[in-house]
């Protein structure tokens, strides 16, 4: 395959630290370019008599030599990969020294002084793209894998990297080519009769529009999963919802008051629970209210419950559970993963507490299979860890049910698909209105060109620079 762009033709050998900053057992320094093997032979002295010349894909142990001071500076390992069979398509090497901050930077400086230059952000991946090792979709997928913070986003990004999104795009392109062939046939053979062409064109156009729209909508789903699961805290006023939010966040995020109905709007914040991102939402208390502002807050609570992945429904332990079957909110709850919290247990004698828990369980068991009930005193920090454990179990259940999916992951892909979709719709309308077929052909060809741009067949340098600057220096 030909190189995709003549705008970027680097002959420099580049290098960078590819491991995170800080101390560790080892660090990683990589280099790519025509001078890679020359630099490696200059600074790395492998153990063993028959180590030279370096063999591609062999793992060597040895010492790093600083030719500028005439001394060995570290014991390390290295690997040499000859192009085009490397990540970038060029000659590459990676060195794995001890992970000290100064040590790693000093070895990087030795490589720089030996003939390499420091890589720009994402330059290794950019060279991989320009040397046809990956396409633009796969380059974006690599970045999304690095940024992934949930199983869902990780699976989608991996499917993107493995070519499933490209396959979906090519299926859409085949649909366009069918429409284009039909239009071109009418242009080239205006006197011929093509049976059922009108209905065939319109039906195929309708199906193709649906495929594109589904793919466009997948971006919203991906973006929501990127933000983490949503956990909504709901319940009657003054049950302890805001206090629970503050306890989970370990900061005073919501105003806490003994006055019922203090929270009129929902409050949300983010936390990491067992290294998983979660959006936690505190909501207005659910009750009958004639206060217009509070009523609007209750409507917002219902909307948040509807969108939630998990609902923590909290009760005051002194409550009589009369709101258990609360109208619209209860119907929503039955479709959700719910944890019931019995709060303020410090205000009840032990015997009464057992009865209260049993009463709540019986009410919940009629509509929820094995309802989860957590006893808690937010005020005294009792039960917080039990609630976190219950949340974690549900999160694992949700993630274990995630199936592999295909979707778009960047706003660039979404914008190009939307442009393609708009041109398809224009072409369909022109066909219905009996407008010149040549104009429809132009619309279809332009729509296809946007699909090609998604994959990276036609891309200008400014777009490439913007994309790869989002990568870290060593990637």
Protein backbone atom coordinates (compact mmCIF):
# COMPACT_ATOMS: atom_id res chain seq x y z
CA UNK A 1 0.00 0.00 0.00
CA UNK A 2 1.13 3.53 -0.69
CA UNK A 3 1.99 5.92 2.09
CA UNK A 4 -1.16 7.89 2.94
CA UNK A 5 0.31 11.37 3.05
CA UNK A 6 3.18 13.24 1.48
CA UNK A 7 2.71 16.08 3.95
CA UNK A 8 4.63 14.21 6.64
CA UNK A 9 7.90 12.59 5.59
CA UNK A 10 10.19 12.38 8.61
CA UNK A 11 13.64 10.89 8.30
CA UNK A 12 14.63 11.59 11.92
CA UNK A 13 14.98 8.83 14.46
CA UNK A 14 12.70 9.64 17.38
CA UNK A 15 12.75 8.51 20.99
CA UNK A 16 10.69 8.97 24.15
CA UNK A 17 9.94 7.52 27.58
CA UNK A 18 6.84 5.35 27.15
CA UNK A 19 6.21 4.41 30.78
CA UNK A 20 4.42 6.70 33.28
CA UNK A 21 6.46 9.28 35.16
CA UNK A 22 7.60 8.19 38.62
CA UNK A 23 9.56 5.47 40.31
CA UNK A 24 8.94 1.81 39.51
CA UNK A 25 10.58 -1.55 38.97
CA UNK A 26 11.34 -0.78 35.30
CA UNK A 27 10.71 1.96 32.81
CA UNK A 28 10.38 1.82 29.01
CA UNK A 29 12.28 3.94 26.49
CA UNK A 30 11.55 3.43 22.81
CA UNK A 31 13.07 4.73 19.59
CA UNK A 32 11.97 4.53 15.96
CA UNK A 33 13.74 5.42 12.72
CA UNK A 34 16.52 4.50 10.34
CA UNK A 35 19.30 5.09 12.90
CA UNK A 36 17.76 2.88 15.58
CA UNK A 37 20.17 -0.03 15.22
CA UNK A 38 23.20 2.28 15.03
CA UNK A 39 22.20 4.01 18.26
CA UNK A 40 21.37 0.73 20.01
CA UNK A 41 24.77 -0.77 19.15
CA UNK A 42 26.44 2.37 20.47
CA UNK A 43 24.75 2.44 23.89
CA UNK A 44 23.74 -1.15 24.73
CA UNK A 45 26.26 -3.89 25.49
CA UNK A 46 24.53 -7.28 25.76
CA UNK A 47 25.86 -10.11 27.86
CA UNK A 48 27.33 -13.08 26.01
CA UNK A 49 30.03 -13.53 23.40
CA UNK A 50 27.76 -14.03 20.39
CA UNK A 51 25.32 -11.19 21.02
CA UNK A 52 26.24 -9.16 17.93
CA UNK A 53 24.74 -8.42 15.52
CA UNK A 54 21.37 -7.78 17.18
CA UNK A 55 18.72 -10.18 15.95
CA UNK A 56 15.21 -8.80 15.45
CA UNK A 57 12.66 -9.81 18.11
CA UNK A 58 15.28 -11.29 20.44
CA UNK A 59 15.20 -10.20 24.08
CA UNK A 60 18.64 -9.16 25.32
CA UNK A 61 19.98 -8.58 28.81
CA UNK A 62 22.99 -6.35 29.22
CA UNK A 63 24.30 -2.97 30.32
CA UNK A 64 23.69 0.56 29.10
CA UNK A 65 26.86 2.38 28.17
CA UNK A 66 27.28 6.14 28.13
CA UNK A 67 29.88 6.77 25.39
CA UNK A 68 30.14 10.43 26.39
CA UNK A 69 31.59 9.68 29.82
CA UNK A 70 32.97 6.22 28.99
CA UNK A 71 31.01 4.39 31.69
CA UNK A 72 28.24 1.89 32.19
CA UNK A 73 25.20 3.51 33.86
CA UNK A 74 22.65 0.71 34.35
CA UNK A 75 21.76 -2.93 33.84
CA UNK A 76 18.79 -3.34 31.53
CA UNK A 77 17.07 -5.38 28.83
CA UNK A 78 16.28 -4.46 25.26
CA UNK A 79 14.59 -5.68 22.09
CA UNK A 80 15.21 -4.66 18.47
CA UNK A 81 12.42 -4.87 15.87
CA UNK A 82 13.24 -4.38 12.23
CA UNK A 83 10.81 -2.49 9.98
CA UNK A 84 8.34 -2.94 8.47
CA UNK A 85 7.38 -5.54 11.10
CA UNK A 86 7.29 -3.04 13.97
CA UNK A 87 4.55 -0.89 15.46
CA UNK A 88 5.60 2.16 13.43
CA UNK A 89 6.68 0.24 10.34
CA UNK A 90 10.25 1.51 10.89
CA UNK A 91 13.29 0.04 12.64
CA UNK A 92 12.62 0.29 16.39
CA UNK A 93 14.12 -0.63 19.71
CA UNK A 94 12.90 -0.56 23.28
CA UNK A 95 15.09 -0.46 26.39
CA UNK A 96 13.87 -1.52 29.84
CA UNK A 97 16.13 0.04 32.50
CA UNK A 98 15.45 0.31 36.23
CA UNK A 99 12.58 2.66 36.88
CA UNK A 100 14.24 5.55 38.68
CA UNK A 101 13.20 9.00 37.50
CA UNK A 102 16.72 10.41 37.11
CA UNK A 103 18.07 7.13 35.74
CA UNK A 104 15.40 6.94 33.02
CA UNK A 105 15.85 10.56 31.97
CA UNK A 106 19.63 10.19 31.89
CA UNK A 107 19.40 7.18 29.55
CA UNK A 108 16.96 9.12 27.35
CA UNK A 109 19.51 11.93 27.12
CA UNK A 110 22.19 9.43 26.06
CA UNK A 111 19.93 8.28 23.20
CA UNK A 112 19.22 11.88 22.22
CA UNK A 113 22.92 12.75 22.15
CA UNK A 114 23.57 9.60 20.11
CA UNK A 115 21.54 10.85 17.16
CA UNK A 116 17.81 10.74 17.97
CA UNK A 117 15.40 13.56 18.70
CA UNK A 118 12.54 13.68 21.21
CA UNK A 119 9.24 12.48 19.73
CA UNK A 120 6.20 14.70 19.55
CA UNK A 121 2.93 13.69 21.20
CA UNK A 122 1.57 10.59 19.45
CA UNK A 123 4.35 10.56 16.86
CA UNK A 124 4.95 6.80 17.11
CA UNK A 125 1.28 6.11 16.37
CA UNK A 126 1.23 8.77 13.66
CA UNK A 127 4.11 7.03 11.90
CA UNK A 128 2.26 3.72 12.26
CA UNK A 129 -0.71 5.30 10.48
CA UNK A 130 1.36 6.94 7.74
CA UNK A 131 3.23 3.69 7.12
CA UNK A 132 -0.06 1.79 6.72
CA UNK A 133 0.34 -0.28 9.88
CA UNK A 134 -3.02 0.99 11.17
CA UNK A 135 -5.84 3.13 9.80
CA UNK A 136 -7.23 6.26 11.42
CA UNK A 137 -10.05 4.38 13.16
CA UNK A 138 -7.51 2.08 14.80
CA UNK A 139 -5.35 5.04 15.81
CA UNK A 140 -8.33 6.60 17.56
CA UNK A 141 -9.15 3.23 19.12
CA UNK A 142 -5.68 3.05 20.69
CA UNK A 143 -6.27 6.40 22.36
CA UNK A 144 -9.72 5.29 23.57
CA UNK A 145 -8.25 2.09 25.05
CA UNK A 146 -5.74 4.18 26.98
CA UNK A 147 -8.54 6.43 28.26
CA UNK A 148 -11.07 3.64 28.90
CA UNK A 149 -12.57 3.60 32.41
CA UNK A 150 -15.29 0.95 32.05
CA UNK A 151 -15.68 -2.54 30.58
CA UNK A 152 -18.17 -1.22 28.01
CA UNK A 153 -15.88 1.48 26.62
CA UNK A 154 -12.91 -0.90 26.66
CA UNK A 155 -14.79 -3.55 24.64
CA UNK A 156 -16.04 -1.03 22.07
CA UNK A 157 -12.57 0.48 21.66
CA UNK A 158 -11.02 -2.99 21.27
CA UNK A 159 -13.62 -3.89 18.64
CA UNK A 160 -12.69 -0.67 16.87
CA UNK A 161 -9.01 -1.60 17.01
CA UNK A 162 -9.76 -5.11 15.68
CA UNK A 163 -11.49 -3.75 12.59
CA UNK A 164 -15.18 -4.27 13.43
CA UNK A 165 -16.06 -0.59 13.05
CA UNK A 166 -14.18 -0.44 9.74
CA UNK A 167 -16.20 -3.48 8.61
CA UNK A 168 -19.44 -1.71 9.56
CA UNK A 169 -18.34 1.41 7.64
CA UNK A 170 -17.55 -0.71 4.59
CA UNK A 171 -21.01 -2.31 4.78
CA UNK A 172 -22.51 1.18 4.69
CA UNK A 173 -20.25 2.07 1.78
CA UNK A 174 -21.47 -1.00 -0.12
CA UNK A 175 -25.00 0.29 0.38
CA UNK A 176 -24.00 3.61 -1.14
CA UNK A 177 -22.35 1.87 -4.08
CA UNK A 178 -25.58 -0.01 -4.79
CA UNK A 179 -27.51 3.29 -4.89
CA UNK A 180 -24.81 4.93 -6.98
CA UNK A 181 -24.82 2.02 -9.47
CA UNK A 182 -28.58 2.36 -9.86
CA UNK A 183 -28.31 6.10 -10.54
CA UNK A 184 -25.42 5.65 -12.95
CA UNK A 185 -27.39 2.99 -14.84
CA UNK A 186 -30.25 5.43 -15.33
CA UNK A 187 -27.83 8.13 -16.47
CA UNK A 188 -26.00 5.86 -18.93
CA UNK A 189 -29.09 4.08 -20.28
CA UNK A 190 -31.96 6.57 -20.12
CA UNK A 191 -34.00 4.68 -22.68
CA UNK A 192 -33.88 1.36 -20.88
CA UNK A 193 -36.63 0.16 -18.58
CA UNK A 194 -35.46 -0.96 -15.14
CA UNK A 195 -38.20 -2.85 -13.40
CA UNK A 196 -38.85 -1.90 -9.79
CA UNK A 197 -35.88 0.51 -9.73
CA UNK A 198 -37.81 3.26 -7.99
CA UNK A 199 -38.97 1.10 -5.11
CA UNK A 200 -35.58 -0.65 -4.94
CA UNK A 201 -33.70 2.64 -4.72
CA UNK A 202 -36.04 4.13 -2.12
CA UNK A 203 -36.14 0.97 0.03
CA UNK A 204 -32.35 0.55 -0.08
CA UNK A 205 -31.92 4.24 0.74
CA UNK A 206 -34.28 3.93 3.69
CA UNK A 207 -32.41 0.89 5.08
CA UNK A 208 -29.06 2.57 4.57
CA UNK A 209 -30.24 5.69 6.41
CA UNK A 210 -31.26 3.48 9.34
CA UNK A 211 -27.83 1.83 9.50
CA UNK A 212 -26.07 5.18 9.52
CA UNK A 213 -28.43 6.66 12.12
CA UNK A 214 -27.89 3.69 14.44
CA UNK A 215 -24.15 4.19 14.19
CA UNK A 216 -24.46 7.91 14.85
CA UNK A 217 -26.59 7.21 17.94
CA UNK A 218 -23.97 4.76 19.25
CA UNK A 219 -21.73 7.72 20.05
CA UNK A 220 -24.15 8.94 22.71
CA UNK A 221 -24.20 5.50 24.31
CA UNK A 222 -20.41 5.31 24.27
CA UNK A 223 -20.09 8.77 25.78
CA UNK A 224 -22.47 7.89 28.62
CA UNK A 225 -20.49 4.74 29.42
CA UNK A 226 -17.28 6.75 29.35
CA UNK A 227 -18.66 8.86 32.20
CA UNK A 228 -19.27 5.77 34.33
CA UNK A 229 -22.42 4.24 35.78
CA UNK A 230 -25.05 6.52 37.28
CA UNK A 231 -26.10 5.93 40.91
CA UNK A 232 -29.15 7.88 42.09
CA UNK A 233 -29.96 8.38 45.77
CA UNK A 234 -33.74 8.65 46.21
CA UNK A 235 -36.28 8.49 49.03
CA UNK A 236 -38.64 10.57 51.15
CA UNK A 237 -37.54 14.00 52.44
CA UNK A 238 -35.20 14.02 55.42
CA UNK A 239 -34.28 10.33 55.08
CA UNK A 240 -30.57 11.19 54.85
CA UNK A 241 -29.98 11.37 51.11
CA UNK A 242 -27.71 14.42 51.16
CA UNK A 243 -25.81 13.09 54.17
CA UNK A 244 -25.24 9.84 52.30
CA UNK A 245 -23.97 11.71 49.24
CA UNK A 246 -21.47 13.58 51.42
CA UNK A 247 -20.39 10.33 53.11
CA UNK A 248 -19.79 8.56 49.78
CA UNK A 249 -17.84 11.53 48.39
CA UNK A 250 -16.06 12.10 51.72
CA UNK A 251 -16.72 15.83 51.45
CA UNK A 252 -19.57 18.26 52.14
CA UNK A 253 -21.06 18.49 48.67
CA UNK A 254 -24.75 18.82 49.60
CA UNK A 255 -26.46 21.00 52.21
CA UNK A 256 -27.73 18.90 55.14
CA UNK A 257 -30.70 20.12 57.18
CA UNK A 258 -33.39 18.73 59.47
CA UNK A 259 -35.95 20.71 57.47
CA UNK A 260 -37.72 18.36 55.00
CA UNK A 261 -37.47 19.34 51.34
CA UNK A 262 -34.12 21.17 51.59
CA UNK A 263 -32.91 19.61 48.31
CA UNK A 264 -35.03 21.10 45.52
CA UNK A 265 -32.77 20.21 42.58
CA UNK A 266 -30.55 17.22 41.95
CA UNK A 267 -26.86 17.40 42.86
CA UNK A 268 -24.30 15.18 41.15
CA UNK A 269 -20.63 14.44 41.59
CA UNK A 270 -18.13 11.78 40.57
CA UNK A 271 -16.15 9.28 42.59
CA UNK A 272 -13.98 6.21 42.03
CA UNK A 273 -15.27 3.13 43.81
CA UNK A 274 -12.82 0.22 43.72
CA UNK A 275 -11.12 2.02 40.80
CA UNK A 276 -14.38 2.33 38.85
CA UNK A 277 -15.85 5.73 37.91
CA UNK A 278 -19.34 6.40 39.22
CA UNK A 279 -21.63 9.39 38.93
CA UNK A 280 -23.61 9.82 42.18
CA UNK A 281 -26.78 11.92 42.14
CA UNK A 282 -28.60 13.29 45.19
CA UNK A 283 -32.26 14.08 44.46
CA UNK A 284 -35.22 15.94 45.90
CA UNK A 285 -37.31 13.97 48.41
CA UNK A 286 -40.33 12.13 47.01
CA UNK A 287 -43.64 13.14 48.53
CA UNK A 288 -46.91 14.88 47.63
CA UNK A 289 -46.24 18.62 47.49
CA UNK A 290 -48.17 21.74 46.52
CA UNK A 291 -44.99 23.82 46.45
CA UNK A 292 -44.35 24.52 42.76
CA UNK A 293 -40.56 24.59 43.10
CA UNK A 294 -40.43 21.40 45.17
CA UNK A 295 -42.80 19.72 42.70
CA UNK A 296 -40.43 20.54 39.86
CA UNK A 297 -37.59 19.04 41.91
CA UNK A 298 -39.62 15.84 42.38
CA UNK A 299 -40.19 15.63 38.62
CA UNK A 300 -36.43 15.91 38.14
CA UNK A 301 -35.98 13.07 40.65
CA UNK A 302 -38.19 10.81 38.54
CA UNK A 303 -36.16 11.69 35.45
CA UNK A 304 -32.92 10.87 37.25
CA UNK A 305 -34.34 7.53 38.43
CA UNK A 306 -35.36 6.75 34.86
CA UNK A 307 -31.79 7.36 33.62
CA UNK A 308 -30.04 5.64 36.54
CA UNK A 309 -28.13 2.38 36.34
CA UNK A 310 -28.44 1.85 40.11
CA UNK A 311 -30.84 3.38 42.63
CA UNK A 312 -30.13 3.66 46.35
CA UNK A 313 -33.57 4.06 47.92
CA UNK A 314 -33.09 5.31 51.45
CA UNK A 315 -35.53 5.13 54.37
CA UNK A 316 -35.52 6.66 57.82
CA UNK A 317 -35.53 3.67 60.19
CA UNK A 318 -38.42 5.32 62.07
CA UNK A 319 -40.52 5.46 58.88
CA UNK A 320 -43.65 3.39 58.34
CA UNK A 321 -42.81 2.70 54.64
CA UNK A 322 -46.13 4.18 53.50
CA UNK A 323 -44.49 5.50 50.32
CA UNK A 324 -43.27 2.09 49.24
CA UNK A 325 -45.70 1.93 46.33
CA UNK A 326 -45.20 5.54 45.25
CA UNK A 327 -46.77 5.94 41.80
CA UNK A 328 -44.49 6.57 38.83
CA UNK A 329 -41.26 6.34 40.80
CA UNK A 330 -42.04 2.84 42.02
CA UNK A 331 -42.73 1.56 38.51
CA UNK A 332 -39.33 2.92 37.47
CA UNK A 333 -37.67 1.24 40.45
CA UNK A 334 -38.91 -2.18 39.38
CA UNK A 335 -36.82 -1.84 36.21
CA UNK A 336 -33.65 -0.84 38.05
CA UNK A 337 -30.89 -2.33 40.16
CA UNK A 338 -32.00 -1.20 43.63
CA UNK A 339 -30.33 -1.15 47.02
CA UNK A 340 -32.63 -0.33 49.94
CA UNK A 341 -30.96 1.53 52.80
CA UNK A 342 -32.44 1.67 56.28
CA UNK A 343 -30.79 4.79 57.71
CA UNK A 344 -30.66 6.27 61.24
CA UNK A 345 -30.52 2.82 62.86
CA UNK A 346 -28.87 4.45 65.88
CA UNK A 347 -32.30 5.86 66.82
CA UNK A 348 -33.94 2.44 67.25
CA UNK A 349 -33.52 -0.29 69.89
CA UNK A 350 -31.96 -3.50 68.51
CA UNK A 351 -35.23 -5.46 68.70
CA UNK A 352 -37.20 -2.82 66.84
CA UNK A 353 -34.47 -2.62 64.21
CA UNK A 354 -34.78 -6.31 63.41
CA UNK A 355 -38.54 -5.96 63.02
CA UNK A 356 -38.11 -2.89 60.81
CA UNK A 357 -35.67 -4.69 58.53
CA UNK A 358 -38.01 -7.68 58.24
CA UNK A 359 -40.95 -5.38 57.46
CA UNK A 360 -39.01 -3.61 54.69
CA UNK A 361 -37.79 -6.91 53.28
CA UNK A 362 -41.33 -8.32 53.08
CA UNK A 363 -42.59 -5.21 51.27
CA UNK A 364 -39.69 -5.26 48.83
CA UNK A 365 -39.71 -9.03 48.25
CA UNK A 366 -43.09 -8.85 46.55
CA UNK A 367 -41.58 -6.96 43.64
CA UNK A 368 -37.80 -7.44 43.81
CA UNK A 369 -35.97 -10.75 43.69
CA UNK A 370 -33.75 -11.07 46.78
CA UNK A 371 -33.88 -7.35 47.66
CA UNK A 372 -30.63 -5.93 49.02
CA UNK A 373 -31.10 -4.09 52.34
CA UNK A 374 -28.26 -2.26 54.05
CA UNK A 375 -28.54 -1.08 57.64
CA UNK A 376 -26.88 2.27 58.13
CA UNK A 377 -26.30 5.27 60.31
CA UNK A 378 -24.75 7.86 58.03
CA UNK A 379 -24.33 10.21 60.99
CA UNK A 380 -22.21 7.66 62.89
CA UNK A 381 -20.49 6.28 59.77
CA UNK A 382 -22.07 2.85 60.23
CA UNK A 383 -22.76 0.72 57.16
CA UNK A 384 -20.97 2.87 54.55
CA UNK A 385 -18.55 0.07 53.68
CA UNK A 386 -21.42 -2.42 53.43
CA UNK A 387 -23.18 -0.11 50.98
CA UNK A 388 -20.00 0.24 48.91
CA UNK A 389 -19.68 -3.56 48.80
CA UNK A 390 -23.29 -3.86 47.62
CA UNK A 391 -22.67 -1.22 44.94
CA UNK A 392 -19.56 -3.02 43.77
CA UNK A 393 -21.43 -6.34 43.47
CA UNK A 394 -24.10 -4.71 41.26
CA UNK A 395 -21.48 -2.95 39.14
CA UNK A 396 -19.76 -6.29 38.50
CA UNK A 397 -23.12 -7.83 37.60
CA UNK A 398 -23.85 -5.05 35.12
CA UNK A 399 -20.39 -5.26 33.57
CA UNK A 400 -20.48 -9.04 33.32
CA UNK A 401 -23.64 -8.73 31.24
CA UNK A 402 -22.04 -6.32 28.79
CA UNK A 403 -21.83 -7.80 25.31
CA UNK A 404 -19.30 -6.89 22.68
CA UNK A 405 -20.57 -3.97 20.66
CA UNK A 406 -19.59 -1.81 17.72
CA UNK A 407 -19.90 1.94 17.84
CA UNK A 408 -18.22 5.22 17.05
CA UNK A 409 -16.06 6.71 19.77
CA UNK A 410 -15.01 10.20 18.66
CA UNK A 411 -16.75 13.42 17.72
CA UNK A 412 -14.75 13.39 14.46
CA UNK A 413 -16.33 10.09 13.42
CA UNK A 414 -19.78 11.33 14.45
CA UNK A 415 -19.45 14.60 12.51
CA UNK A 416 -18.37 12.80 9.33
CA UNK A 417 -21.18 10.26 9.61
CA UNK A 418 -23.70 13.06 10.08
CA UNK A 419 -22.44 14.80 6.93
CA UNK A 420 -22.71 11.54 5.01
CA UNK A 421 -26.21 10.94 6.38
CA UNK A 422 -27.37 14.46 5.42
CA UNK A 423 -26.16 13.97 1.85
CA UNK A 424 -27.94 10.62 1.65
CA UNK A 425 -31.19 12.24 2.76
CA UNK A 426 -30.75 15.02 0.21
CA UNK A 427 -30.13 12.45 -2.50
CA UNK A 428 -33.24 10.50 -1.57
CA UNK A 429 -35.40 13.64 -1.61
CA UNK A 430 -33.99 14.68 -5.00
CA UNK A 431 -34.79 11.21 -6.34
CA UNK A 432 -38.37 11.45 -5.07
CA UNK A 433 -38.71 14.94 -6.59
CA UNK A 434 -37.38 13.72 -9.97
CA UNK A 435 -34.43 16.12 -9.88
CA UNK A 436 -31.47 15.58 -12.26
CA UNK A 437 -29.79 12.25 -11.64
CA UNK A 438 -26.36 13.85 -12.03
CA UNK A 439 -26.99 15.91 -8.88
CA UNK A 440 -27.98 12.78 -6.96
CA UNK A 441 -24.80 11.05 -8.13
CA UNK A 442 -22.71 13.95 -6.82
CA UNK A 443 -24.43 13.76 -3.42
CA UNK A 444 -23.82 10.02 -3.16
CA UNK A 445 -20.16 10.32 -4.15
CA UNK A 446 -19.60 13.09 -1.60
CA UNK A 447 -21.34 10.98 1.04
CA UNK A 448 -18.96 8.09 0.29
CA UNK A 449 -15.96 10.43 0.55
CA UNK A 450 -16.94 11.23 4.16
CA UNK A 451 -16.92 7.50 4.94
CA UNK A 452 -13.43 7.22 3.44
CA UNK A 453 -12.33 10.10 5.63
CA UNK A 454 -13.50 8.25 8.75
CA UNK A 455 -11.15 5.37 7.95
CA UNK A 456 -8.40 7.79 6.95
CA UNK A 457 -8.19 7.33 3.20
CA UNK A 458 -8.26 11.08 2.67
CA UNK A 459 -7.14 13.21 5.59
CA UNK A 460 -5.30 16.53 5.76
CA UNK A 461 -2.32 17.22 7.99
CA UNK A 462 -4.17 19.58 10.33
CA UNK A 463 -6.63 16.85 11.29
CA UNK A 464 -3.79 14.38 11.88
CA UNK A 465 -1.92 16.86 14.07
CA UNK A 466 -5.04 17.54 16.14
CA UNK A 467 -5.70 13.83 16.64
CA UNK A 468 -2.20 12.69 17.57
CA UNK A 469 -1.53 15.61 19.92
CA UNK A 470 -4.03 13.98 22.27
CA UNK A 471 -1.62 11.05 22.76
CA UNK A 472 1.17 11.09 25.31
CA UNK A 473 4.71 11.65 24.06
CA UNK A 474 5.80 8.01 24.15
CA UNK A 475 2.83 6.55 22.26
